[in-house]
Amino acid sequence: MKILITENAEKSYFEIISKYSENKTASFSKNTISILDIIKENNHIGHKYKKTLYRKFLLTEQIYIFYKIESEIIYIVLFWDNKRNPLNLDVVLNS
């Protein structure tokens, strides 16, 4: 399987790390790469999100990765900070 990171995912990733210190950014980045490798090897490891095509996987205590699988491609669609308003999550995923 191949992993592709969408523009929305890239934007949300950088919004999150922009709030972190240099050390925390490095740690978060390493953890993200490890989790992406896990998802690549076992793409159904994430929990289904509601009744959608999306799956979510807890990256840190407060950050989820949302992704979907199409053919042989895993699309990383969003990094979601759980401190945000959960009502906005569906809006962001459907944009």
C-alpha atoms as a PDB file:
ATOM      1  CA  MET A   1       0.000   0.000   0.000  1.00  0.00           C
ATOM      2  CA  LYS A   2       1.012   3.541  -0.690  1.00  0.00           C
ATOM      3  CA  ILE A   3       0.382   6.505   1.630  1.00  0.00           C
ATOM      4  CA  LEU A   4      -0.564   9.920   0.285  1.00  0.00           C
ATOM      5  CA  ILE A   5      -0.948  12.981   2.486  1.00  0.00           C
ATOM      6  CA  THR A   6      -3.630  15.416   1.380  1.00  0.00           C
ATOM      7  CA  GLU A   7      -3.246  19.190   1.432  1.00  0.00           C
ATOM      8  CA  ASN A   8      -5.718  19.375   4.295  1.00  0.00           C
ATOM      9  CA  ALA A   9      -3.688  16.858   6.311  1.00  0.00           C
ATOM     10  CA  GLU A  10      -0.467  18.728   5.634  1.00  0.00           C
ATOM     11  CA  LYS A  11      -2.057  22.021   6.666  1.00  0.00           C
ATOM     12  CA  SER A  12      -3.510  20.572   9.885  1.00  0.00           C
ATOM     13  CA  TYR A  13      -0.172  18.891  10.705  1.00  0.00           C
ATOM     14  CA  PHE A  14       1.731  22.175  10.427  1.00  0.00           C
ATOM     15  CA  GLU A  15      -0.935  24.031  12.428  1.00  0.00           C
ATOM     16  CA  ILE A  16      -0.376  21.563  15.250  1.00  0.00           C
ATOM     17  CA  ILE A  17       3.422  21.565  15.255  1.00  0.00           C
ATOM     18  CA  SER A  18       3.575  25.353  14.970  1.00  0.00           C
ATOM     19  CA  LYS A  19       2.403  25.441  18.611  1.00  0.00           C
ATOM     20  CA  TYR A  20       5.130  23.052  19.800  1.00  0.00           C
ATOM     21  CA  SER A  21       8.684  23.581  20.965  1.00  0.00           C
ATOM     22  CA  GLU A  22      11.519  22.284  18.801  1.00  0.00           C
ATOM     23  CA  ASN A  23      11.936  19.156  20.949  1.00  0.00           C
ATOM     24  CA  LYS A  24       8.226  18.399  21.027  1.00  0.00           C
ATOM     25  CA  THR A  25       8.008  18.937  17.253  1.00  0.00           C
ATOM     26  CA  ALA A  26      10.824  16.420  16.682  1.00  0.00           C
ATOM     27  CA  SER A  27       9.165  13.885  18.979  1.00  0.00           C
ATOM     28  CA  PHE A  28       5.762  14.403  17.352  1.00  0.00           C
ATOM     29  CA  SER A  29       7.265  13.990  13.878  1.00  0.00           C
ATOM     30  CA  LYS A  30       9.021  10.739  14.804  1.00  0.00           C
ATOM     31  CA  ASN A  31       5.831   9.411  16.385  1.00  0.00           C
ATOM     32  CA  THR A  32       3.846  10.385  13.284  1.00  0.00           C
ATOM     33  CA  ILE A  33       6.237   8.493  11.002  1.00  0.00           C
ATOM     34  CA  SER A  34       6.030   5.417  13.251  1.00  0.00           C
ATOM     35  CA  ILE A  35       2.229   5.498  13.264  1.00  0.00           C
ATOM     36  CA  LEU A  36       2.093   5.941   9.487  1.00  0.00           C
ATOM     37  CA  ASP A  37       4.282   2.845   9.140  1.00  0.00           C
ATOM     38  CA  ILE A  38       1.895   0.917  11.406  1.00  0.00           C
ATOM     39  CA  ILE A  39      -1.114   2.073   9.385  1.00  0.00           C
ATOM     40  CA  LYS A  40       0.670   1.145   6.152  1.00  0.00           C
ATOM     41  CA  GLU A  41       1.309  -2.392   7.404  1.00  0.00           C
ATOM     42  CA  ASN A  42      -2.146  -2.868   8.937  1.00  0.00           C
ATOM     43  CA  ASN A  43      -4.411  -0.345   7.244  1.00  0.00           C
ATOM     44  CA  HIS A  44      -7.587  -1.393   9.057  1.00  0.00           C
ATOM     45  CA  ILE A  45      -6.058  -0.801  12.501  1.00  0.00           C
ATOM     46  CA  GLY A  46      -7.861   2.519  12.912  1.00  0.00           C
ATOM     47  CA  HIS A  47     -11.411   2.677  14.244  1.00  0.00           C
ATOM     48  CA  LYS A  48     -14.142   3.457  11.746  1.00  0.00           C
ATOM     49  CA  TYR A  49     -15.375   7.008  12.169  1.00  0.00           C
ATOM     50  CA  LYS A  50     -19.167   7.001  12.399  1.00  0.00           C
ATOM     51  CA  LYS A  51     -20.703   5.608   9.208  1.00  0.00           C
ATOM     52  CA  THR A  52     -18.112   7.118   6.878  1.00  0.00           C
ATOM     53  CA  LEU A  53     -15.190   5.829   4.831  1.00  0.00           C
ATOM     54  CA  TYR A  54     -12.804   7.415   7.330  1.00  0.00           C
ATOM     55  CA  ARG A  55     -10.782   5.670   9.985  1.00  0.00           C
ATOM     56  CA  LYS A  56      -9.104   7.347  12.931  1.00  0.00           C
ATOM     57  CA  PHE A  57      -6.019   6.427  14.884  1.00  0.00           C
ATOM     58  CA  LEU A  58      -4.865   8.069  18.108  1.00  0.00           C
ATOM     59  CA  LEU A  59      -1.447   9.584  17.493  1.00  0.00           C
ATOM     60  CA  THR A  60      -0.959  11.263  20.881  1.00  0.00           C
ATOM     61  CA  GLU A  61      -3.170  11.903  23.905  1.00  0.00           C
ATOM     62  CA  GLN A  62      -4.977  14.637  22.004  1.00  0.00           C
ATOM     63  CA  ILE A  63      -4.270  14.162  18.290  1.00  0.00           C
ATOM     64  CA  TYR A  64      -6.023  11.788  15.899  1.00  0.00           C
ATOM     65  CA  ILE A  65      -5.003  10.931  12.365  1.00  0.00           C
ATOM     66  CA  PHE A  66      -7.949  10.487  10.020  1.00  0.00           C
ATOM     67  CA  TYR A  67      -7.468   8.458   6.873  1.00  0.00           C
ATOM     68  CA  LYS A  68      -9.365   6.598   4.190  1.00  0.00           C
ATOM     69  CA  ILE A  69      -8.446   3.683   1.964  1.00  0.00           C
ATOM     70  CA  GLU A  70      -9.141   3.649  -1.763  1.00  0.00           C
ATOM     71  CA  SER A  71      -7.815   0.821  -3.926  1.00  0.00           C
ATOM     72  CA  GLU A  72      -4.192   0.416  -2.906  1.00  0.00           C
ATOM     73  CA  ILE A  73      -3.787   3.941  -1.520  1.00  0.00           C
ATOM     74  CA  ILE A  74      -4.138   5.186   2.054  1.00  0.00           C
ATOM     75  CA  TYR A  75      -5.061   8.866   2.066  1.00  0.00           C
ATOM     76  CA  ILE A  76      -4.120  10.742   5.221  1.00  0.00           C
ATOM     77  CA  VAL A  77      -6.840  13.385   5.280  1.00  0.00           C
ATOM     78  CA  LEU A  78      -6.536  15.160   8.631  1.00  0.00           C
ATOM     79  CA  PHE A  79      -4.635  15.579  11.877  1.00  0.00           C
ATOM     80  CA  TRP A  80      -7.269  16.510  14.462  1.00  0.00           C
ATOM     81  CA  ASP A  81      -6.530  18.168  17.808  1.00  0.00           C
ATOM     82  CA  ASN A  82      -9.169  16.904  20.229  1.00  0.00           C
ATOM     83  CA  LYS A  83      -9.180  20.268  22.007  1.00  0.00           C
ATOM     84  CA  ARG A  84     -11.046  21.676  19.024  1.00  0.00           C
ATOM     85  CA  ASN A  85     -14.821  21.796  18.858  1.00  0.00           C
ATOM     86  CA  PRO A  86     -15.938  18.274  17.869  1.00  0.00           C
ATOM     87  CA  LEU A  87     -18.896  19.680  15.948  1.00  0.00           C
ATOM     88  CA  ASN A  88     -16.420  21.135  13.457  1.00  0.00           C
ATOM     89  CA  LEU A  89     -14.835  17.765  12.723  1.00  0.00           C
ATOM     90  CA  ASP A  90     -17.524  16.582  10.311  1.00  0.00           C
ATOM     91  CA  VAL A  91     -17.444  19.942   8.544  1.00  0.00           C
ATOM     92  CA  VAL A  92     -13.673  19.721   8.078  1.00  0.00           C
ATOM     93  CA  LEU A  93     -13.788  16.092   6.912  1.00  0.00           C
ATOM     94  CA  ASN A  94     -16.470  16.896   4.347  1.00  0.00           C
ATOM     95  CA  SER A  95     -14.701  19.937   2.917  1.00  0.00           C
END
